[in-house]
Structure formats: structure tokens, C-alpha cells
Amino acid sequence: MQPDRWLEIKQELKQKFELEDEYSEELDHGSQEVVEFVSPMGLVKLCFVQKPKVLDKKTTYSNRIGSGVSVEYVYDLENSTYHLDVWLWSEGNQQWEKLANQNAFN
């Protein structure tokens, strides 16, 4: 998903549904925009996540018993990756549950 498609989706949501909440958050590496709205399925949360592209993953470990493992990521700060997470509010559990089939917004 690209940022221009995300803007189109947000405009469609604003026209079709009443938004409950709209905000942005900073993540450890990247950021996300969140839109919450009430649909016929119930309360839905869309999270558009932007993260820097991972160039390399370096794992440092020892073959000794009890030694630790550390993972270091190398990020490309000029290029980003984007994805959309769709969450549905569960009244029974009183928590957000991630939707398995998220192809509806692509």
C-alpha cells in the first residue's frame, strides 16, 4: 500500500462513515496513522504503518551454553516500507483482534 492510496481510503471512510478517532503515533522505527470508525461489522481500526526499509540484519551469538544473542538491524532512512493493519473490536474479549483477510483495502 502506498501513501496516495491511504489518502484515498481515508477520504472514502470520511464520506461513508463517522470517524470515532483519528491520530498519529511514533513507533520505535517509523510511525503509524490510525483511523477508528464504526462499520456494519462493528468498531474497526485501520493502522497505516510506515517503517524504514531494512537493509541488513546482523545476528551476534556464541555457541556456548547460556550465552546471549543480539540482533542489530541496518535501516535505509531514505526508503520506507508501508503496510496496512486492520483491527476489529471484540466485545466479548474487550480488546482489538487483528483481521486475517486484509485484502479488502488494496
N, C-alpha and C. Protein backbone atom coordinates (compact mmCIF):
# COMPACT_ATOMS: atom_id res chain seq x y z
N MET A 1 0.84 -1.16 0.00
CA MET A 1 0.00 0.00 0.00
C MET A 1 0.90 1.24 0.00
N GLN A 2 0.55 2.19 -0.82
CA GLN A 2 1.31 3.43 -0.94
C GLN A 2 0.57 4.57 -0.24
N PRO A 3 1.29 5.65 0.11
CA PRO A 3 0.65 6.77 0.82
C PRO A 3 -0.51 7.41 0.07
N ASP A 4 -0.44 7.49 -1.26
CA ASP A 4 -1.55 8.09 -2.01
C ASP A 4 -2.81 7.23 -1.93
N ARG A 5 -2.66 5.91 -1.92
CA ARG A 5 -3.81 5.01 -1.76
C ARG A 5 -4.39 5.14 -0.35
N TRP A 6 -3.54 5.33 0.66
CA TRP A 6 -4.00 5.52 2.03
C TRP A 6 -4.85 6.79 2.13
N LEU A 7 -4.43 7.86 1.46
CA LEU A 7 -5.22 9.10 1.48
C LEU A 7 -6.58 8.89 0.83
N GLU A 8 -6.63 8.12 -0.25
CA GLU A 8 -7.91 7.81 -0.90
C GLU A 8 -8.82 7.04 0.04
N ILE A 9 -8.26 6.06 0.74
CA ILE A 9 -9.06 5.26 1.67
C ILE A 9 -9.60 6.13 2.80
N LYS A 10 -8.77 7.02 3.33
CA LYS A 10 -9.24 7.90 4.41
C LYS A 10 -10.38 8.80 3.92
N GLN A 11 -10.29 9.34 2.70
CA GLN A 11 -11.35 10.18 2.16
C GLN A 11 -12.65 9.38 2.01
N GLU A 12 -12.54 8.15 1.51
CA GLU A 12 -13.73 7.30 1.37
C GLU A 12 -14.37 7.01 2.73
N LEU A 13 -13.54 6.74 3.73
CA LEU A 13 -14.06 6.46 5.07
C LEU A 13 -14.78 7.68 5.64
N LYS A 14 -14.21 8.86 5.44
CA LYS A 14 -14.83 10.08 5.95
C LYS A 14 -16.17 10.34 5.29
N GLN A 15 -16.31 9.94 4.03
CA GLN A 15 -17.58 10.14 3.32
C GLN A 15 -18.63 9.11 3.73
N LYS A 16 -18.22 7.86 3.94
CA LYS A 16 -19.16 6.78 4.19
C LYS A 16 -19.50 6.57 5.66
N PHE A 17 -18.53 6.81 6.55
CA PHE A 17 -18.72 6.50 7.97
C PHE A 17 -18.37 7.72 8.81
N GLU A 18 -18.86 7.70 10.04
CA GLU A 18 -18.47 8.72 11.01
C GLU A 18 -17.24 8.22 11.76
N LEU A 19 -16.17 9.00 11.72
CA LEU A 19 -14.93 8.59 12.36
C LEU A 19 -15.03 8.75 13.87
N GLU A 20 -14.61 7.73 14.60
CA GLU A 20 -14.58 7.78 16.06
C GLU A 20 -13.33 8.50 16.54
N ASP A 21 -12.20 8.19 15.90
CA ASP A 21 -10.92 8.77 16.32
C ASP A 21 -9.95 8.71 15.14
N GLU A 22 -9.05 9.70 15.10
CA GLU A 22 -8.01 9.76 14.08
C GLU A 22 -6.77 10.38 14.71
N TYR A 23 -5.64 9.64 14.69
CA TYR A 23 -4.42 10.14 15.32
C TYR A 23 -3.20 9.50 14.70
N SER A 24 -2.03 10.05 15.03
CA SER A 24 -0.74 9.51 14.58
C SER A 24 0.10 9.15 15.78
N GLU A 25 0.94 8.11 15.62
CA GLU A 25 1.82 7.66 16.70
C GLU A 25 3.22 7.46 16.14
N GLU A 26 4.20 7.69 16.98
CA GLU A 26 5.58 7.38 16.64
C GLU A 26 5.90 5.99 17.16
N LEU A 27 6.53 5.18 16.33
CA LEU A 27 6.97 3.84 16.72
C LEU A 27 8.47 3.87 16.95
N ASP A 28 9.04 2.74 17.39
CA ASP A 28 10.49 2.67 17.60
C ASP A 28 11.23 3.06 16.34
N HIS A 29 10.85 2.48 15.23
CA HIS A 29 11.44 2.82 13.94
C HIS A 29 10.28 3.06 12.98
N GLY A 30 9.87 4.31 12.84
CA GLY A 30 8.79 4.64 11.94
C GLY A 30 7.63 5.31 12.64
N SER A 31 6.49 5.31 11.97
CA SER A 31 5.29 5.94 12.52
C SER A 31 4.06 5.23 11.96
N GLN A 32 2.91 5.55 12.55
CA GLN A 32 1.66 4.99 12.05
C GLN A 32 0.54 5.99 12.20
N GLU A 33 -0.36 5.98 11.24
CA GLU A 33 -1.59 6.77 11.30
C GLU A 33 -2.73 5.81 11.60
N VAL A 34 -3.59 6.19 12.53
CA VAL A 34 -4.68 5.32 12.97
C VAL A 34 -6.01 6.01 12.74
N VAL A 35 -6.96 5.27 12.17
CA VAL A 35 -8.32 5.75 11.97
C VAL A 35 -9.26 4.71 12.55
N GLU A 36 -10.16 5.15 13.44
CA GLU A 36 -11.16 4.26 14.03
C GLU A 36 -12.54 4.73 13.59
N PHE A 37 -13.39 3.78 13.20
CA PHE A 37 -14.73 4.12 12.74
C PHE A 37 -15.68 2.96 13.01
N VAL A 38 -16.97 3.26 13.00
CA VAL A 38 -18.00 2.23 13.20
C VAL A 38 -18.51 1.82 11.83
N SER A 39 -18.43 0.52 11.55
CA SER A 39 -18.90 -0.03 10.28
C SER A 39 -20.00 -1.04 10.58
N PRO A 40 -20.60 -1.63 9.55
CA PRO A 40 -21.59 -2.69 9.81
C PRO A 40 -21.00 -3.90 10.55
N MET A 41 -19.68 -4.10 10.46
CA MET A 41 -19.02 -5.19 11.19
C MET A 41 -18.79 -4.84 12.66
N GLY A 42 -18.87 -3.57 13.01
CA GLY A 42 -18.59 -3.11 14.37
C GLY A 42 -17.52 -2.04 14.33
N LEU A 43 -16.83 -1.86 15.45
CA LEU A 43 -15.77 -0.86 15.54
C LEU A 43 -14.51 -1.40 14.86
N VAL A 44 -13.98 -0.64 13.91
CA VAL A 44 -12.82 -1.05 13.11
C VAL A 44 -11.72 -0.03 13.28
N LYS A 45 -10.49 -0.53 13.35
CA LYS A 45 -9.32 0.35 13.44
C LYS A 45 -8.38 0.00 12.28
N LEU A 46 -8.02 1.03 11.49
CA LEU A 46 -7.05 0.87 10.41
C LEU A 46 -5.76 1.56 10.83
N CYS A 47 -4.64 0.86 10.72
CA CYS A 47 -3.33 1.41 11.06
C CYS A 47 -2.45 1.38 9.82
N PHE A 48 -2.10 2.56 9.30
CA PHE A 48 -1.20 2.68 8.16
C PHE A 48 0.21 2.89 8.73
N VAL A 49 1.06 1.87 8.59
CA VAL A 49 2.38 1.86 9.22
C VAL A 49 3.45 2.18 8.19
N GLN A 50 4.33 3.13 8.56
CA GLN A 50 5.47 3.49 7.72
C GLN A 50 6.74 3.18 8.52
N LYS A 51 7.61 2.35 7.93
CA LYS A 51 8.87 2.00 8.58
C LYS A 51 10.00 2.12 7.57
N PRO A 52 11.22 2.43 8.04
CA PRO A 52 12.34 2.45 7.11
C PRO A 52 12.66 1.03 6.62
N LYS A 53 13.13 0.96 5.40
CA LYS A 53 13.46 -0.34 4.80
C LYS A 53 14.66 -0.95 5.51
N VAL A 54 14.58 -2.25 5.81
CA VAL A 54 15.67 -2.97 6.47
C VAL A 54 16.66 -3.41 5.40
N LEU A 55 17.89 -2.95 5.53
CA LEU A 55 18.94 -3.32 4.58
C LEU A 55 19.68 -4.58 4.99
N ASP A 56 19.91 -4.72 6.29
CA ASP A 56 20.69 -5.85 6.76
C ASP A 56 20.30 -6.20 8.18
N LYS A 57 20.44 -7.47 8.53
CA LYS A 57 20.16 -7.96 9.87
C LYS A 57 21.39 -8.73 10.32
N LYS A 58 22.05 -8.22 11.36
CA LYS A 58 23.26 -8.85 11.87
C LYS A 58 22.96 -9.53 13.21
N THR A 59 23.23 -10.82 13.27
CA THR A 59 23.00 -11.59 14.49
C THR A 59 24.35 -11.93 15.10
N THR A 60 24.52 -11.58 16.36
CA THR A 60 25.74 -11.89 17.08
C THR A 60 25.42 -12.92 18.15
N TYR A 61 26.14 -14.04 18.12
CA TYR A 61 25.88 -15.10 19.09
C TYR A 61 27.15 -15.90 19.31
N SER A 62 27.12 -16.72 20.34
CA SER A 62 28.22 -17.63 20.64
C SER A 62 27.63 -19.02 20.79
N ASN A 63 28.40 -20.02 20.51
CA ASN A 63 27.92 -21.39 20.63
C ASN A 63 28.03 -21.93 22.06
N ARG A 64 28.36 -21.07 22.99
CA ARG A 64 28.44 -21.50 24.38
C ARG A 64 27.04 -21.60 24.98
N ILE A 65 26.91 -22.51 25.92
CA ILE A 65 25.64 -22.66 26.61
C ILE A 65 25.43 -21.45 27.52
N GLY A 66 24.24 -20.88 27.44
CA GLY A 66 23.90 -19.76 28.32
C GLY A 66 24.32 -18.41 27.78
N SER A 67 24.97 -18.36 26.63
CA SER A 67 25.39 -17.06 26.09
C SER A 67 24.19 -16.38 25.44
N GLY A 68 24.26 -15.08 25.35
CA GLY A 68 23.17 -14.30 24.80
C GLY A 68 23.27 -14.14 23.29
N VAL A 69 22.16 -13.69 22.72
CA VAL A 69 22.08 -13.43 21.30
C VAL A 69 21.62 -11.99 21.13
N SER A 70 22.27 -11.26 20.22
CA SER A 70 21.82 -9.91 19.93
C SER A 70 21.62 -9.76 18.43
N VAL A 71 20.60 -8.99 18.07
CA VAL A 71 20.27 -8.76 16.67
C VAL A 71 20.36 -7.26 16.43
N GLU A 72 21.07 -6.87 15.40
CA GLU A 72 21.23 -5.46 15.04
C GLU A 72 20.73 -5.28 13.61
N TYR A 73 19.84 -4.32 13.43
CA TYR A 73 19.28 -4.04 12.11
C TYR A 73 19.94 -2.80 11.53
N VAL A 74 20.16 -2.82 10.21
CA VAL A 74 20.66 -1.66 9.48
C VAL A 74 19.51 -1.16 8.62
N TYR A 75 19.11 0.12 8.81
CA TYR A 75 17.96 0.68 8.13
C TYR A 75 18.39 1.65 7.04
N ASP A 76 17.58 1.71 5.98
CA ASP A 76 17.73 2.69 4.92
C ASP A 76 16.79 3.85 5.26
N LEU A 77 17.31 4.97 5.67
CA LEU A 77 16.49 6.09 6.12
C LEU A 77 15.85 6.86 4.97
N GLU A 78 16.29 6.62 3.74
CA GLU A 78 15.72 7.33 2.59
C GLU A 78 14.53 6.59 1.99
N ASN A 79 14.49 5.26 2.11
CA ASN A 79 13.39 4.47 1.55
C ASN A 79 12.57 3.87 2.68
N SER A 80 11.26 3.87 2.48
CA SER A 80 10.35 3.37 3.51
C SER A 80 9.49 2.23 2.95
N THR A 81 8.99 1.42 3.85
CA THR A 81 8.00 0.40 3.51
C THR A 81 6.70 0.77 4.20
N TYR A 82 5.59 0.39 3.59
CA TYR A 82 4.27 0.74 4.11
C TYR A 82 3.41 -0.52 4.15
N HIS A 83 2.57 -0.61 5.17
CA HIS A 83 1.57 -1.67 5.20
C HIS A 83 0.38 -1.21 6.03
N LEU A 84 -0.75 -1.88 5.81
CA LEU A 84 -2.00 -1.54 6.47
C LEU A 84 -2.42 -2.69 7.37
N ASP A 85 -2.67 -2.40 8.64
CA ASP A 85 -3.19 -3.39 9.58
C ASP A 85 -4.65 -3.05 9.85
N VAL A 86 -5.50 -4.07 9.84
CA VAL A 86 -6.93 -3.90 10.09
C VAL A 86 -7.27 -4.65 11.37
N TRP A 87 -7.88 -3.94 12.32
CA TRP A 87 -8.24 -4.50 13.62
C TRP A 87 -9.74 -4.34 13.83
N LEU A 88 -10.34 -5.33 14.47
CA LEU A 88 -11.76 -5.32 14.77
C LEU A 88 -11.94 -5.44 16.29
N TRP A 89 -12.80 -4.59 16.85
CA TRP A 89 -13.03 -4.60 18.30
C TRP A 89 -13.93 -5.78 18.66
N SER A 90 -13.49 -6.60 19.62
CA SER A 90 -14.24 -7.74 20.10
C SER A 90 -14.91 -7.37 21.42
N GLU A 91 -16.23 -7.35 21.41
CA GLU A 91 -16.97 -7.00 22.64
C GLU A 91 -16.79 -8.08 23.70
N GLY A 92 -16.70 -9.33 23.29
CA GLY A 92 -16.56 -10.42 24.25
C GLY A 92 -15.24 -10.37 25.00
N ASN A 93 -14.15 -10.09 24.29
CA ASN A 93 -12.83 -10.04 24.91
C ASN A 93 -12.43 -8.66 25.39
N GLN A 94 -13.17 -7.64 24.92
CA GLN A 94 -12.85 -6.25 25.24
C GLN A 94 -11.43 -5.88 24.80
N GLN A 95 -11.06 -6.30 23.58
CA GLN A 95 -9.75 -5.97 23.03
C GLN A 95 -9.81 -6.01 21.51
N TRP A 96 -8.77 -5.43 20.87
CA TRP A 96 -8.68 -5.43 19.42
C TRP A 96 -8.16 -6.77 18.94
N GLU A 97 -8.78 -7.29 17.85
CA GLU A 97 -8.33 -8.53 17.23
C GLU A 97 -7.99 -8.23 15.78
N LYS A 98 -6.82 -8.70 15.36
CA LYS A 98 -6.35 -8.45 14.01
C LYS A 98 -7.15 -9.28 13.01
N LEU A 99 -7.60 -8.64 11.93
CA LEU A 99 -8.33 -9.33 10.88
C LEU A 99 -7.38 -10.15 10.04
N ALA A 100 -7.74 -11.38 9.73
CA ALA A 100 -6.86 -12.27 8.98
C ALA A 100 -6.81 -11.89 7.50
N ASN A 101 -7.95 -11.63 6.88
CA ASN A 101 -8.00 -11.27 5.46
C ASN A 101 -8.05 -9.75 5.33
N GLN A 102 -6.91 -9.16 4.94
CA GLN A 102 -6.82 -7.71 4.89
C GLN A 102 -6.74 -7.19 3.45
N ASN A 103 -7.11 -8.00 2.47
CA ASN A 103 -7.01 -7.60 1.07
C ASN A 103 -8.14 -6.68 0.62
N ALA A 104 -9.09 -6.40 1.47
CA ALA A 104 -10.25 -5.59 1.08
C ALA A 104 -9.86 -4.15 0.76
N PHE A 105 -8.78 -3.65 1.31
CA PHE A 105 -8.41 -2.26 1.12
C PHE A 105 -7.34 -2.05 0.07
N ASN A 106 -6.83 -3.10 -0.55
CA ASN A 106 -5.76 -2.96 -1.55
C ASN A 106 -6.30 -2.61 -2.90
